[in-house]
């Protein structure tokens, strides 16, 4: 495997897959160079803060929780562990056995989502692999600092969606959602993932990079 940085960010594009019910993704040229003597291109973006590769802040599901602009940089800069999860539906407590989770650790779960949900599904996939509330509680109790997943939510479409967010964000876990992990093997990596610094925001798009250790 290359020792170079690997971009694990989903590219933002007009009309892309987004969480059902959220605003549609609209990215287009508001001004176009050369049209009516306009001297530059200017892109307009309309979308949810929880689109493609993004992060959740505590205030997303926690009353009076802190916003994206208050995230400590060490939450997403440093070593992390990518763990493969061969599950069909939800990550359950039994799937976390033997992982020896550490306080302050950064964890990324690689599931079938990268290929089955991102790559193969042209529309929002309601059957993506998610984290159960009970597994989220184990991560919270272990004091894990950051958790990343490879689709649009840690919680399922119709199972534990609110509950697992409340448990994990309520415990102070910073959440990265929508990672692209197709070329990533399980193991230890250096990570850089920086969300946009939006005052008081419940989430923000981010650029995520991994480099094998």
Protein backbone atom coordinates (compact mmCIF):
# COMPACT_ATOMS: atom_id res chain seq x y z
CA UNK A 1 0.00 0.00 0.00
CA UNK A 2 1.23 3.49 -0.81
CA UNK A 3 2.47 5.67 2.05
CA UNK A 4 0.94 8.72 0.40
CA UNK A 5 -2.19 10.49 1.55
CA UNK A 6 -5.43 8.92 0.32
CA UNK A 7 -8.45 11.14 -0.20
CA UNK A 8 -11.49 9.46 1.38
CA UNK A 9 -13.86 12.33 0.62
CA UNK A 10 -16.99 12.00 -1.50
CA UNK A 11 -16.97 14.62 -4.25
CA UNK A 12 -19.75 17.19 -3.97
CA UNK A 13 -21.73 17.55 -7.18
CA UNK A 14 -25.02 18.92 -8.39
CA UNK A 15 -27.96 16.54 -7.88
CA UNK A 16 -25.98 13.99 -5.87
CA UNK A 17 -27.40 11.46 -3.42
CA UNK A 18 -28.46 13.04 -0.13
CA UNK A 19 -30.42 12.06 2.97
CA UNK A 20 -34.04 11.67 1.95
CA UNK A 21 -36.04 14.69 3.08
CA UNK A 22 -33.01 16.98 3.29
CA UNK A 23 -32.58 19.83 0.79
CA UNK A 24 -31.54 18.77 -2.68
CA UNK A 25 -27.94 19.41 -3.64
CA UNK A 26 -27.72 22.34 -6.04
CA UNK A 27 -24.27 23.41 -7.23
CA UNK A 28 -24.20 25.66 -10.25
CA UNK A 29 -22.54 28.66 -11.86
CA UNK A 30 -24.20 31.82 -10.61
CA UNK A 31 -21.89 33.89 -12.80
CA UNK A 32 -20.02 32.51 -15.80
CA UNK A 33 -16.84 33.98 -17.18
CA UNK A 34 -17.32 35.63 -20.57
CA UNK A 35 -21.12 35.75 -20.45
CA UNK A 36 -22.40 39.32 -20.60
CA UNK A 37 -18.85 40.56 -20.02
CA UNK A 38 -18.64 38.86 -16.61
CA UNK A 39 -14.91 38.64 -15.69
CA UNK A 40 -15.03 35.52 -13.49
CA UNK A 41 -16.77 32.27 -12.61
CA UNK A 42 -18.74 32.18 -9.36
CA UNK A 43 -20.29 28.98 -8.01
CA UNK A 44 -23.43 28.93 -5.88
CA UNK A 45 -24.01 26.05 -3.46
CA UNK A 46 -27.31 25.05 -1.87
CA UNK A 47 -27.42 21.93 0.29
CA UNK A 48 -27.71 20.51 3.78
CA UNK A 49 -24.66 20.71 6.03
CA UNK A 50 -25.01 16.92 6.29
CA UNK A 51 -24.23 16.15 2.66
CA UNK A 52 -21.56 13.78 1.29
CA UNK A 53 -18.50 13.59 3.57
CA UNK A 54 -19.35 15.70 6.60
CA UNK A 55 -19.19 15.90 10.36
CA UNK A 56 -21.81 16.13 13.09
CA UNK A 57 -21.45 18.57 15.96
CA UNK A 58 -22.95 17.93 19.38
CA UNK A 59 -25.78 20.42 18.83
CA UNK A 60 -27.09 18.24 15.98
CA UNK A 61 -28.98 16.12 18.53
CA UNK A 62 -27.96 17.49 21.95
CA UNK A 63 -29.76 20.49 23.43
CA UNK A 64 -27.24 23.26 24.19
CA UNK A 65 -24.48 21.13 22.63
CA UNK A 66 -21.50 22.86 21.08
CA UNK A 67 -21.31 23.71 17.39
CA UNK A 68 -18.94 22.75 14.61
CA UNK A 69 -16.78 25.83 15.13
CA UNK A 70 -15.86 24.61 18.62
CA UNK A 71 -14.47 21.22 17.57
CA UNK A 72 -11.00 20.58 19.03
CA UNK A 73 -8.56 19.94 16.19
CA UNK A 74 -7.17 16.84 17.90
CA UNK A 75 -10.52 15.14 17.30
CA UNK A 76 -9.71 14.69 13.63
CA UNK A 77 -5.95 15.16 13.32
CA UNK A 78 -3.82 12.22 14.45
CA UNK A 79 -3.74 8.45 14.34
CA UNK A 80 -6.86 6.39 13.75
CA UNK A 81 -7.83 2.78 13.36
CA UNK A 82 -9.85 1.51 10.38
CA UNK A 83 -11.87 -1.54 11.35
CA UNK A 84 -13.68 -3.78 8.87
CA UNK A 85 -17.22 -4.72 9.86
CA UNK A 86 -18.69 -7.62 7.90
CA UNK A 87 -22.29 -7.05 8.92
CA UNK A 88 -25.46 -6.87 6.84
CA UNK A 89 -27.56 -4.48 8.91
CA UNK A 90 -26.36 -2.90 12.15
CA UNK A 91 -23.10 -2.93 14.08
CA UNK A 92 -24.06 -4.59 17.35
CA UNK A 93 -22.26 -4.93 20.72
CA UNK A 94 -21.03 -8.41 19.78
CA UNK A 95 -19.27 -6.94 16.74
CA UNK A 96 -17.19 -4.72 19.03
CA UNK A 97 -15.94 -7.56 21.21
CA UNK A 98 -12.19 -7.97 21.17
CA UNK A 99 -11.49 -4.55 19.65
CA UNK A 100 -9.93 -3.24 22.89
CA UNK A 101 -11.35 0.22 22.40
CA UNK A 102 -9.25 2.94 24.00
CA UNK A 103 -10.19 6.26 25.57
CA UNK A 104 -9.42 9.08 23.17
CA UNK A 105 -9.17 6.75 20.18
CA UNK A 106 -10.26 7.64 16.66
CA UNK A 107 -12.16 4.78 15.00
CA UNK A 108 -13.41 4.38 11.42
CA UNK A 109 -15.74 1.54 10.51
CA UNK A 110 -15.49 0.16 6.97
CA UNK A 111 -18.62 -1.73 5.89
CA UNK A 112 -20.34 -2.76 2.67
CA UNK A 113 -21.68 0.80 2.46
CA UNK A 114 -18.81 2.13 0.37
CA UNK A 115 -19.60 -0.13 -2.58
CA UNK A 116 -23.20 -1.18 -1.95
CA UNK A 117 -24.58 2.21 -0.93
CA UNK A 118 -22.28 4.86 -2.39
CA UNK A 119 -21.05 3.18 -5.55
CA UNK A 120 -23.96 1.01 -6.61
CA UNK A 121 -27.03 2.94 -5.44
CA UNK A 122 -27.98 5.89 -7.67
CA UNK A 123 -30.45 7.12 -5.05
CA UNK A 124 -30.50 7.24 -1.27
CA UNK A 125 -30.07 3.74 0.17
CA UNK A 126 -32.29 3.20 3.21
CA UNK A 127 -30.73 -0.21 3.86
CA UNK A 128 -27.21 0.97 4.68
CA UNK A 129 -25.19 -0.50 7.55
CA UNK A 130 -25.53 1.62 10.69
CA UNK A 131 -24.52 1.57 14.36
CA UNK A 132 -27.05 0.30 16.88
CA UNK A 133 -27.83 2.33 19.97
CA UNK A 134 -26.34 -0.40 22.15
CA UNK A 135 -23.07 -0.42 20.18
CA UNK A 136 -23.00 3.37 20.31
CA UNK A 137 -23.26 3.15 24.09
CA UNK A 138 -20.25 0.85 24.21
CA UNK A 139 -18.25 3.34 22.13
CA UNK A 140 -19.37 6.11 24.46
CA UNK A 141 -18.53 4.13 27.61
CA UNK A 142 -15.08 3.36 26.22
CA UNK A 143 -14.39 7.08 25.81
CA UNK A 144 -13.73 6.89 22.07
CA UNK A 145 -13.11 10.43 20.79
CA UNK A 146 -14.06 10.15 17.12
CA UNK A 147 -16.05 7.68 15.01
CA UNK A 148 -16.22 7.65 11.21
CA UNK A 149 -18.59 5.70 8.98
CA UNK A 150 -18.94 5.12 5.25
CA UNK A 151 -22.46 6.37 4.59
CA UNK A 152 -24.59 9.37 5.47
CA UNK A 153 -25.41 8.52 9.08
CA UNK A 154 -24.22 6.57 12.09
CA UNK A 155 -27.87 5.74 12.77
CA UNK A 156 -30.16 3.76 10.50
CA UNK A 157 -32.99 5.12 8.38
CA UNK A 158 -35.67 3.49 10.52
CA UNK A 159 -33.69 2.12 13.45
CA UNK A 160 -31.78 3.89 16.24
CA UNK A 161 -31.25 6.99 14.09
CA UNK A 162 -32.07 9.52 16.79
CA UNK A 163 -31.03 7.34 19.72
CA UNK A 164 -27.49 6.51 18.60
CA UNK A 165 -26.82 10.15 17.77
CA UNK A 166 -28.04 11.18 21.21
CA UNK A 167 -25.86 8.56 22.89
CA UNK A 168 -22.67 9.22 20.94
CA UNK A 169 -22.87 12.99 20.52
CA UNK A 170 -24.11 13.26 24.09
CA UNK A 171 -20.95 11.49 25.23
CA UNK A 172 -18.77 13.93 23.32
CA UNK A 173 -17.91 11.68 20.39
CA UNK A 174 -17.18 13.60 17.20
CA UNK A 175 -18.81 11.91 14.21
CA UNK A 176 -17.59 11.76 10.61
CA UNK A 177 -20.16 10.49 8.11
CA UNK A 178 -20.06 9.77 4.39
CA UNK A 179 -16.47 8.54 4.02
CA UNK A 180 -15.29 6.81 0.83
CA UNK A 181 -13.28 3.78 1.95
CA UNK A 182 -13.08 1.62 -1.18
CA UNK A 183 -9.26 1.76 -1.38
CA UNK A 184 -8.70 1.60 2.38
CA UNK A 185 -7.56 -1.62 4.04
CA UNK A 186 -8.16 -2.21 7.76
CA UNK A 187 -5.27 -0.99 9.89
CA UNK A 188 -3.68 2.06 11.45
CA UNK A 189 -3.57 5.40 9.68
CA UNK A 190 -2.75 9.02 10.16
CA UNK A 191 -5.86 11.09 9.65
CA UNK A 192 -6.62 14.68 8.74
CA UNK A 193 -10.29 15.61 8.55
CA UNK A 194 -11.20 19.28 8.76
CA UNK A 195 -14.81 20.50 8.65
CA UNK A 196 -15.75 23.99 7.57
CA UNK A 197 -15.69 26.34 10.56
CA UNK A 198 -19.31 27.48 10.58
CA UNK A 199 -20.38 29.32 13.70
CA UNK A 200 -22.89 27.34 15.75
CA UNK A 201 -23.46 24.80 12.97
CA UNK A 202 -24.82 21.34 13.75
CA UNK A 203 -22.66 19.91 10.97
CA UNK A 204 -20.37 20.83 8.11
CA UNK A 205 -18.83 19.37 4.96
CA UNK A 206 -15.24 18.28 5.39
CA UNK A 207 -12.20 17.02 3.48
CA UNK A 208 -10.88 13.74 4.87
CA UNK A 209 -7.47 12.18 4.23
CA UNK A 210 -5.81 8.98 5.46
CA UNK A 211 -2.18 7.89 5.26
CA UNK A 212 -1.03 4.37 6.20
CA UNK A 213 1.30 4.06 9.18
